[in-house]
């Protein structure tokens, strides 16, 4: 090995980590407490037979998130910014309103799950933990510098490894688990399709589209070397290579964690006849007598870590969408004094989620149904995105075609079919 090679090699992991950003954070935040509850319910209700959906969703997730990232990197605007400039106002405001509503429900459900997880671990009043987690999320988003905040989110992705540890804390019949992973097994009934919509709504969520596109646009604002590809087409090869790597690693990470949760709950809850789990904390509590205190502990701890990662992404995507729709100055890289409306919207989104936990809305049901709502909302937004990326007036020479376009429409079709199957079966 040459001296130059030896000198570069130790820095390769660090260089790779620097190239990972929006895609990694997006993929990790996909496994929020709502997602954990959905995967837990799927594993408890259907066992290993639902595992194949993770292999199906992986290429679809990669495609739709790469398309989202390319929108932001090519145009310098998020999805709402493009809707504002090129589409009728009813399309813009209906999309943004649905996103804000879904995100608020998701934030409230996630805060409830995090607070309940801490209460199970150390006791104390759950409402206090809701307030603390909500305040912590808002303060860090507003007052931390952009670079430090993104690094914090990257570190929080490590909390998801708790669910990999959970797999090794229980006994899994790997032949049955791998059969469920590689051999599709479909039940033609409404409950099954509702679970599919919830899974797809968790893995392919509207807030992830808006977040990743806006983060690509944000990176251009804080990095003077980067410009929208419409103005700097020479940057396209490196930008698209980075986006693909970032997105594939982020989505693979997300799906590995989802498979770990499904396997853990299938091997414990489903195997012991516990099939009705509606939240992540309910799953953690049910694991304790079956799989032991260690599995319970890491499952509950993971809920807190993933919630701290997901809430900023949920609130941030809502603030980006509303801000871009209203043409306000937006961006976590801006000082609060220069983007007051943006940060106000961000804080309002979290505050609305906190307030939801003090209403009569059942947070356990909200956790699962927020995933279903995300799935229903995702379908029309995905259709708009696919039409958007075919327009030269928006994408210039970087209209999306080939296999990426095929997979994008396939993801959209799968989502629509699952929603249709859920509705028809009722």
Protein backbone atom coordinates (compact mmCIF):
# COMPACT_ATOMS: atom_id res chain seq x y z
CA UNK A 1 0.00 0.00 0.00
CA UNK A 2 1.38 3.41 -0.93
CA UNK A 3 1.99 6.15 1.62
CA UNK A 4 -0.66 8.35 0.02
CA UNK A 5 -3.26 5.57 0.25
CA UNK A 6 -2.45 4.95 3.92
CA UNK A 7 -2.79 8.65 4.62
CA UNK A 8 -6.22 8.92 3.05
CA UNK A 9 -7.78 5.67 4.26
CA UNK A 10 -8.27 6.62 7.95
CA UNK A 11 -10.27 9.62 6.85
CA UNK A 12 -12.65 7.71 4.58
CA UNK A 13 -15.33 7.05 7.26
CA UNK A 14 -15.25 10.72 8.22
CA UNK A 15 -15.50 11.77 4.57
CA UNK A 16 -18.45 9.40 4.09
CA UNK A 17 -20.18 10.81 7.17
CA UNK A 18 -19.80 14.34 5.79
CA UNK A 19 -21.44 13.27 2.53
CA UNK A 20 -24.39 11.88 4.45
CA UNK A 21 -26.96 14.44 5.49
CA UNK A 22 -30.59 14.94 4.53
CA UNK A 23 -31.01 11.34 3.32
CA UNK A 24 -29.61 9.76 6.48
CA UNK A 25 -31.62 12.03 8.78
CA UNK A 26 -34.76 11.51 6.69
CA UNK A 27 -34.39 7.73 6.79
CA UNK A 28 -33.73 7.65 10.52
CA UNK A 29 -36.59 10.02 11.38
CA UNK A 30 -38.84 7.70 9.37
CA UNK A 31 -38.62 5.32 12.35
CA UNK A 32 -40.26 7.75 14.78
CA UNK A 33 -42.47 6.57 17.68
CA UNK A 34 -45.41 6.50 15.27
CA UNK A 35 -43.41 4.23 12.97
CA UNK A 36 -42.29 2.05 15.86
CA UNK A 37 -45.92 1.67 16.92
CA UNK A 38 -46.93 0.77 13.36
CA UNK A 39 -44.18 -1.84 12.95
CA UNK A 40 -44.93 -3.23 16.41
CA UNK A 41 -48.61 -3.57 15.57
CA UNK A 42 -47.74 -5.22 12.24
CA UNK A 43 -45.35 -7.69 13.87
CA UNK A 44 -47.75 -8.49 16.72
CA UNK A 45 -50.80 -8.83 14.49
CA UNK A 46 -49.34 -10.56 11.43
CA UNK A 47 -46.04 -12.01 12.63
CA UNK A 48 -43.18 -12.55 10.20
CA UNK A 49 -45.54 -12.71 7.22
CA UNK A 50 -45.55 -8.90 6.92
CA UNK A 51 -41.75 -8.65 6.67
CA UNK A 52 -41.75 -8.75 2.86
CA UNK A 53 -43.27 -5.26 2.75
CA UNK A 54 -39.92 -3.84 3.90
CA UNK A 55 -38.13 -5.28 0.86
CA UNK A 56 -40.92 -4.00 -1.37
CA UNK A 57 -40.85 -0.51 0.12
CA UNK A 58 -37.05 -0.08 0.00
CA UNK A 59 -36.62 0.72 -3.73
CA UNK A 60 -39.85 2.75 -3.67
CA UNK A 61 -38.61 4.78 -0.70
CA UNK A 62 -35.24 5.36 -2.33
CA UNK A 63 -36.87 6.51 -5.57
CA UNK A 64 -39.41 8.93 -4.06
CA UNK A 65 -36.89 10.43 -1.62
CA UNK A 66 -34.23 10.82 -4.31
CA UNK A 67 -36.83 12.55 -6.48
CA UNK A 68 -37.64 14.87 -3.54
CA UNK A 69 -33.96 15.66 -3.04
CA UNK A 70 -33.43 16.33 -6.74
CA UNK A 71 -36.29 18.83 -6.74
CA UNK A 72 -34.59 20.86 -4.02
CA UNK A 73 -31.06 20.55 -5.40
CA UNK A 74 -32.09 21.38 -8.97
CA UNK A 75 -34.37 24.33 -8.31
CA UNK A 76 -33.11 25.75 -5.00
CA UNK A 77 -36.67 25.56 -3.64
CA UNK A 78 -38.62 23.08 -1.55
CA UNK A 79 -41.76 21.37 -2.81
CA UNK A 80 -44.07 24.07 -1.46
CA UNK A 81 -41.88 26.71 -3.10
CA UNK A 82 -42.35 25.00 -6.47
CA UNK A 83 -46.10 24.66 -5.92
CA UNK A 84 -46.25 28.36 -5.06
CA UNK A 85 -44.54 29.36 -8.33
CA UNK A 86 -46.03 26.92 -10.82
CA UNK A 87 -49.39 25.59 -9.60
CA UNK A 88 -52.85 26.99 -8.72
CA UNK A 89 -53.26 28.29 -5.19
CA UNK A 90 -55.80 25.57 -4.28
CA UNK A 91 -53.19 22.88 -4.99
CA UNK A 92 -50.62 24.73 -2.88
CA UNK A 93 -52.80 25.49 0.13
CA UNK A 94 -54.57 22.12 0.21
CA UNK A 95 -51.20 20.29 0.14
CA UNK A 96 -49.64 22.50 2.81
CA UNK A 97 -52.75 22.40 5.02
CA UNK A 98 -52.93 18.60 4.89
CA UNK A 99 -49.22 18.37 5.65
CA UNK A 100 -49.47 20.72 8.64
CA UNK A 101 -52.47 18.79 10.01
CA UNK A 102 -50.81 15.40 9.60
CA UNK A 103 -47.55 16.67 11.14
CA UNK A 104 -49.34 18.18 14.14
CA UNK A 105 -51.11 14.87 14.83
CA UNK A 106 -47.82 13.04 14.40
CA UNK A 107 -45.94 15.39 16.75
CA UNK A 108 -48.63 15.05 19.42
CA UNK A 109 -48.63 11.26 19.10
CA UNK A 110 -44.82 11.11 19.22
CA UNK A 111 -44.62 13.37 22.29
CA UNK A 112 -47.19 11.19 24.07
CA UNK A 113 -45.22 8.07 23.25
CA UNK A 114 -41.93 9.60 24.42
CA UNK A 115 -43.46 10.83 27.68
CA UNK A 116 -45.07 7.46 28.33
CA UNK A 117 -41.76 5.68 27.63
CA UNK A 118 -39.95 7.84 30.21
CA UNK A 119 -42.79 7.32 32.69
CA UNK A 120 -42.45 3.56 32.26
CA UNK A 121 -38.69 3.78 32.78
CA UNK A 122 -38.44 6.16 35.75
CA UNK A 123 -41.99 7.11 36.76
CA UNK A 124 -43.24 10.64 37.20
CA UNK A 125 -45.92 12.78 35.51
CA UNK A 126 -46.22 12.21 31.78
CA UNK A 127 -47.53 15.72 31.05
CA UNK A 128 -44.28 17.21 32.41
CA UNK A 129 -42.18 15.10 30.03
CA UNK A 130 -44.36 16.21 27.10
CA UNK A 131 -43.64 19.86 27.94
CA UNK A 132 -39.91 19.23 28.45
CA UNK A 133 -39.48 17.34 25.17
CA UNK A 134 -41.51 19.93 23.26
CA UNK A 135 -39.55 22.84 24.73
CA UNK A 136 -36.20 21.10 24.13
CA UNK A 137 -37.05 20.51 20.48
CA UNK A 138 -38.09 24.13 19.87
CA UNK A 139 -35.13 25.67 21.72
CA UNK A 140 -32.51 23.57 19.94
CA UNK A 141 -34.04 24.25 16.51
CA UNK A 142 -34.15 28.00 17.09
CA UNK A 143 -30.91 28.67 18.94
CA UNK A 144 -28.39 26.07 17.73
CA UNK A 145 -26.34 26.89 14.66
CA UNK A 146 -27.33 25.01 11.53
CA UNK A 147 -24.11 22.96 11.34
CA UNK A 148 -24.30 21.91 14.99
CA UNK A 149 -27.98 21.12 14.73
CA UNK A 150 -27.52 18.85 11.71
CA UNK A 151 -24.67 17.08 13.53
CA UNK A 152 -26.95 16.62 16.55
CA UNK A 153 -29.56 14.97 14.34
CA UNK A 154 -26.90 12.69 12.86
CA UNK A 155 -25.83 11.58 16.35
CA UNK A 156 -29.45 10.94 17.32
CA UNK A 157 -29.69 8.38 14.50
CA UNK A 158 -27.52 6.12 16.68
CA UNK A 159 -30.48 5.67 19.05
CA UNK A 160 -32.07 3.40 16.45
CA UNK A 161 -29.44 0.74 17.06
CA UNK A 162 -31.37 -0.03 20.25
CA UNK A 163 -33.76 -2.02 18.07
CA UNK A 164 -30.94 -4.02 16.52
CA UNK A 165 -29.90 -4.90 20.07
CA UNK A 166 -33.50 -5.92 20.82
CA UNK A 167 -33.35 -8.55 18.06
CA UNK A 168 -30.43 -10.24 19.80
CA UNK A 169 -32.23 -10.09 23.14
CA UNK A 170 -35.00 -12.42 21.96
CA UNK A 171 -35.06 -15.86 20.36
CA UNK A 172 -36.01 -15.66 16.68
CA UNK A 173 -36.75 -18.70 14.46
CA UNK A 174 -34.74 -17.42 11.51
CA UNK A 175 -36.17 -19.82 8.95
CA UNK A 176 -39.71 -18.48 9.55
CA UNK A 177 -38.44 -14.89 9.75
CA UNK A 178 -36.57 -15.11 6.44
CA UNK A 179 -39.54 -16.84 4.80
CA UNK A 180 -41.73 -13.90 5.81
CA UNK A 181 -39.10 -11.47 4.55
CA UNK A 182 -38.64 -12.97 1.09
CA UNK A 183 -42.01 -14.64 0.32
CA UNK A 184 -45.02 -12.28 0.01
CA UNK A 185 -48.12 -13.37 1.90
CA UNK A 186 -51.20 -11.19 1.28
CA UNK A 187 -54.56 -11.41 3.06
CA UNK A 188 -57.35 -9.84 1.03
CA UNK A 189 -59.22 -8.02 3.78
CA UNK A 190 -59.62 -4.44 4.97
CA UNK A 191 -57.60 -4.85 8.17
CA UNK A 192 -54.62 -6.18 6.23
CA UNK A 193 -54.73 -3.31 3.74
CA UNK A 194 -55.14 -0.80 6.56
CA UNK A 195 -51.91 -2.18 8.04
CA UNK A 196 -50.25 -1.91 4.62
CA UNK A 197 -51.36 1.72 4.29
CA UNK A 198 -50.01 2.41 7.79
CA UNK A 199 -46.67 0.80 6.91
CA UNK A 200 -46.41 2.65 3.63
CA UNK A 201 -47.58 5.86 5.32
CA UNK A 202 -44.74 5.41 7.80
CA UNK A 203 -42.05 4.52 5.27
CA UNK A 204 -43.24 6.92 2.53
CA UNK A 205 -44.49 9.98 4.43
CA UNK A 206 -45.27 13.44 3.00
CA UNK A 207 -43.25 15.25 5.66
CA UNK A 208 -40.16 13.35 4.49
CA UNK A 209 -40.65 14.61 0.90
CA UNK A 210 -40.92 18.22 2.03
CA UNK A 211 -38.05 17.92 4.53
CA UNK A 212 -35.48 16.39 2.17
CA UNK A 213 -36.27 18.79 -0.70
CA UNK A 214 -36.08 21.80 1.64
CA UNK A 215 -32.85 20.58 3.21
CA UNK A 216 -31.19 20.33 -0.21
CA UNK A 217 -32.29 23.92 -0.88
CA UNK A 218 -31.11 24.96 2.60
CA UNK A 219 -27.65 23.47 2.08
CA UNK A 220 -27.24 25.72 -0.95
CA UNK A 221 -28.07 28.79 1.11
CA UNK A 222 -25.46 28.00 3.78
CA UNK A 223 -22.78 26.69 1.37
CA UNK A 224 -21.53 29.43 -0.95
CA UNK A 225 -19.95 26.85 -3.27
CA UNK A 226 -23.30 25.29 -4.14
CA UNK A 227 -25.92 26.78 -6.42
CA UNK A 228 -29.16 25.40 -7.88
CA UNK A 229 -28.36 23.06 -10.75
CA UNK A 230 -30.51 25.14 -13.08
CA UNK A 231 -27.83 27.83 -12.71
CA UNK A 232 -24.81 25.56 -12.21
CA UNK A 233 -25.38 22.38 -14.28
CA UNK A 234 -21.70 21.42 -13.96
CA UNK A 235 -22.38 20.53 -10.30
CA UNK A 236 -25.00 17.94 -11.26
CA UNK A 237 -22.86 14.75 -11.49
CA UNK A 238 -21.38 15.14 -8.02
CA UNK A 239 -24.69 16.35 -6.54
CA UNK A 240 -26.71 13.44 -7.92
CA UNK A 241 -24.05 10.93 -6.85
CA UNK A 242 -24.08 12.30 -3.30
CA UNK A 243 -27.89 12.37 -3.17
CA UNK A 244 -28.17 8.76 -4.33
CA UNK A 245 -25.58 7.51 -1.82
CA UNK A 246 -27.10 9.55 1.01
CA UNK A 247 -30.64 8.43 0.21
CA UNK A 248 -29.85 4.74 -0.28
CA UNK A 249 -27.94 4.52 3.01
CA UNK A 250 -30.65 6.46 4.87
CA UNK A 251 -33.50 4.31 3.53
CA UNK A 252 -31.57 1.07 4.06
CA UNK A 253 -30.92 2.11 7.65
CA UNK A 254 -34.61 2.88 8.10
CA UNK A 255 -35.74 -0.48 6.74
CA UNK A 256 -33.22 -2.52 8.72
CA UNK A 257 -34.56 -0.96 11.91
CA UNK A 258 -38.16 -1.58 10.79
CA UNK A 259 -37.36 -5.26 10.11
CA UNK A 260 -35.71 -5.53 13.54
CA UNK A 261 -38.87 -4.17 15.22
CA UNK A 262 -41.17 -6.49 13.25
CA UNK A 263 -38.99 -9.52 14.03
CA UNK A 264 -38.77 -8.64 17.72
CA UNK A 265 -42.52 -8.21 18.19
CA UNK A 266 -43.33 -11.22 16.00
CA UNK A 267 -41.01 -13.46 18.01
CA UNK A 268 -42.40 -12.29 21.36
CA UNK A 269 -45.85 -10.74 21.20
CA UNK A 270 -47.32 -12.57 18.18
CA UNK A 271 -45.81 -15.88 19.26
CA UNK A 272 -47.45 -15.53 22.67
CA UNK A 273 -50.88 -14.52 21.38
CA UNK A 274 -50.60 -10.75 21.96
CA UNK A 275 -51.85 -9.37 18.64
CA UNK A 276 -53.44 -6.03 19.52
CA UNK A 277 -50.65 -3.48 20.01
CA UNK A 278 -51.54 0.10 19.06
CA UNK A 279 -48.51 2.06 20.22
CA UNK A 280 -44.75 1.82 20.65
CA UNK A 281 -44.95 2.15 24.44
CA UNK A 282 -47.63 -0.53 24.62
CA UNK A 283 -45.26 -2.78 22.70
CA UNK A 284 -42.40 -2.00 25.11
CA UNK A 285 -44.59 -2.72 28.13
CA UNK A 286 -45.86 -5.97 26.60
CA UNK A 287 -42.29 -7.07 25.92
CA UNK A 288 -41.25 -6.89 29.59
CA UNK A 289 -42.95 -10.07 30.89
CA UNK A 290 -42.22 -12.00 27.68
CA UNK A 291 -38.72 -10.96 26.59
CA UNK A 292 -37.37 -9.64 29.89
CA UNK A 293 -36.36 -6.24 31.31
CA UNK A 294 -33.45 -5.69 28.89
CA UNK A 295 -35.63 -5.87 25.79
CA UNK A 296 -38.17 -3.61 27.50
CA UNK A 297 -35.49 -1.09 28.47
CA UNK A 298 -33.86 -0.72 25.06
CA UNK A 299 -37.23 -0.67 23.30
CA UNK A 300 -38.47 2.17 25.56
CA UNK A 301 -35.17 4.05 25.36
CA UNK A 302 -35.24 3.88 21.57
CA UNK A 303 -38.68 5.56 21.56
CA UNK A 304 -37.22 8.63 23.29
CA UNK A 305 -34.21 8.86 20.98
CA UNK A 306 -36.21 8.48 17.79
CA UNK A 307 -38.77 11.00 18.99
CA UNK A 308 -36.08 13.60 19.61
CA UNK A 309 -34.93 13.01 16.03
CA UNK A 310 -38.38 12.96 14.41
CA UNK A 311 -40.05 15.97 16.06
CA UNK A 312 -37.60 18.50 14.54
CA UNK A 313 -38.10 16.93 11.11
CA UNK A 314 -41.91 17.00 11.47
CA UNK A 315 -41.98 20.59 12.75
CA UNK A 316 -39.26 21.69 10.34
CA UNK A 317 -41.00 20.28 7.27
CA UNK A 318 -44.25 22.00 8.31
CA UNK A 319 -42.44 25.32 8.81
CA UNK A 320 -40.62 25.02 5.47
CA UNK A 321 -43.88 24.23 3.67
CA UNK A 322 -45.86 27.09 5.22
CA UNK A 323 -42.97 29.54 4.85
CA UNK A 324 -42.34 28.68 1.21
CA UNK A 325 -46.06 28.86 0.45
CA UNK A 326 -46.20 32.36 1.94
CA UNK A 327 -42.80 33.33 0.41
CA UNK A 328 -41.30 34.12 3.80
CA UNK A 329 -37.56 33.90 4.49
CA UNK A 330 -37.12 30.27 5.58
CA UNK A 331 -34.32 28.09 6.84
CA UNK A 332 -32.72 26.71 9.97
CA UNK A 333 -29.52 28.36 8.76
CA UNK A 334 -31.06 31.83 9.22
CA UNK A 335 -30.96 33.76 12.46
CA UNK A 336 -34.32 33.86 14.27
CA UNK A 337 -34.47 37.64 13.86
CA UNK A 338 -34.26 37.22 10.06
CA UNK A 339 -36.91 34.49 9.78
CA UNK A 340 -39.38 35.25 12.56
CA UNK A 341 -42.44 33.88 10.77
CA UNK A 342 -40.62 30.65 9.84
CA UNK A 343 -39.48 29.99 13.41
CA UNK A 344 -42.87 31.05 14.72
CA UNK A 345 -44.55 28.44 12.50
CA UNK A 346 -42.05 25.84 13.67
CA UNK A 347 -42.80 26.62 17.32
CA UNK A 348 -46.56 26.69 16.62
CA UNK A 349 -46.39 23.22 15.08
CA UNK A 350 -44.75 21.78 18.20
CA UNK A 351 -47.06 23.76 20.51
CA UNK A 352 -50.11 22.41 18.67
CA UNK A 353 -48.72 18.89 19.09
CA UNK A 354 -48.18 19.50 22.81
CA UNK A 355 -51.72 20.88 23.15
CA UNK A 356 -53.14 17.79 21.44
CA UNK A 357 -51.81 15.63 24.27
CA UNK A 358 -54.01 17.52 26.74
CA UNK A 359 -57.23 16.94 24.77
CA UNK A 360 -59.58 13.97 24.81
CA UNK A 361 -57.87 12.53 21.71
CA UNK A 362 -56.54 9.06 22.51
CA UNK A 363 -52.76 9.35 21.91
CA UNK A 364 -52.43 5.58 21.50
CA UNK A 365 -54.92 5.50 18.64
CA UNK A 366 -53.50 8.75 17.24
CA UNK A 367 -50.06 7.15 17.03
CA UNK A 368 -51.21 4.35 14.73
CA UNK A 369 -53.75 6.35 12.75
CA UNK A 370 -51.28 9.17 12.11
CA UNK A 371 -49.42 6.66 9.94
CA UNK A 372 -52.64 5.79 8.09
CA UNK A 373 -53.38 9.51 7.58
CA UNK A 374 -49.85 10.03 6.25
CA UNK A 375 -50.40 7.21 3.76
CA UNK A 376 -53.66 8.69 2.50
CA UNK A 377 -52.18 12.19 2.18
CA UNK A 378 -49.01 10.90 0.53
CA UNK A 379 -50.78 9.60 -2.61
CA UNK A 380 -51.97 12.94 -4.08
CA UNK A 381 -48.72 14.68 -3.13
CA UNK A 382 -46.71 11.94 -4.86
CA UNK A 383 -48.81 12.36 -8.00
CA UNK A 384 -48.11 16.11 -7.97
CA UNK A 385 -44.38 15.49 -7.46
CA UNK A 386 -44.18 13.05 -10.35
CA UNK A 387 -45.94 15.51 -12.66
CA UNK A 388 -43.73 18.31 -11.36
CA UNK A 389 -40.48 16.51 -12.17
CA UNK A 390 -41.56 15.94 -15.79
CA UNK A 391 -41.90 19.68 -16.50
CA UNK A 392 -38.96 21.41 -18.16
CA UNK A 393 -40.31 24.74 -16.96
CA UNK A 394 -39.47 23.53 -13.44
CA UNK A 395 -36.58 21.06 -13.81
CA UNK A 396 -34.91 22.39 -16.97
CA UNK A 397 -32.59 19.79 -18.45
CA UNK A 398 -32.87 17.72 -15.26
CA UNK A 399 -36.37 16.33 -15.75
CA UNK A 400 -36.51 12.90 -14.14
CA UNK A 401 -36.84 9.88 -16.39
CA UNK A 402 -35.63 6.29 -16.72
CA UNK A 403 -35.78 3.79 -13.89
CA UNK A 404 -36.09 6.52 -11.28
CA UNK A 405 -39.29 7.77 -12.88
CA UNK A 406 -40.64 4.21 -13.24
CA UNK A 407 -40.02 3.49 -9.55
CA UNK A 408 -41.52 6.85 -8.54
CA UNK A 409 -44.76 6.06 -10.37
CA UNK A 410 -44.64 2.48 -9.00
CA UNK A 411 -44.47 3.85 -5.44
CA UNK A 412 -47.41 6.12 -6.20
CA UNK A 413 -49.44 3.27 -7.72
CA UNK A 414 -48.75 0.96 -4.77
CA UNK A 415 -49.89 3.64 -2.32
CA UNK A 416 -53.09 4.31 -4.29
CA UNK A 417 -53.88 0.58 -4.60
CA UNK A 418 -53.45 -0.01 -0.86
CA UNK A 419 -55.71 2.94 -0.02
CA UNK A 420 -58.29 1.62 -2.50
CA UNK A 421 -58.09 -1.87 -0.96
CA UNK A 422 -58.57 -0.41 2.52
CA UNK A 423 -61.61 1.63 1.46
CA UNK A 424 -63.30 -1.08 -0.61
CA UNK A 425 -62.97 -3.67 2.13
CA UNK A 426 -64.89 -1.57 4.64
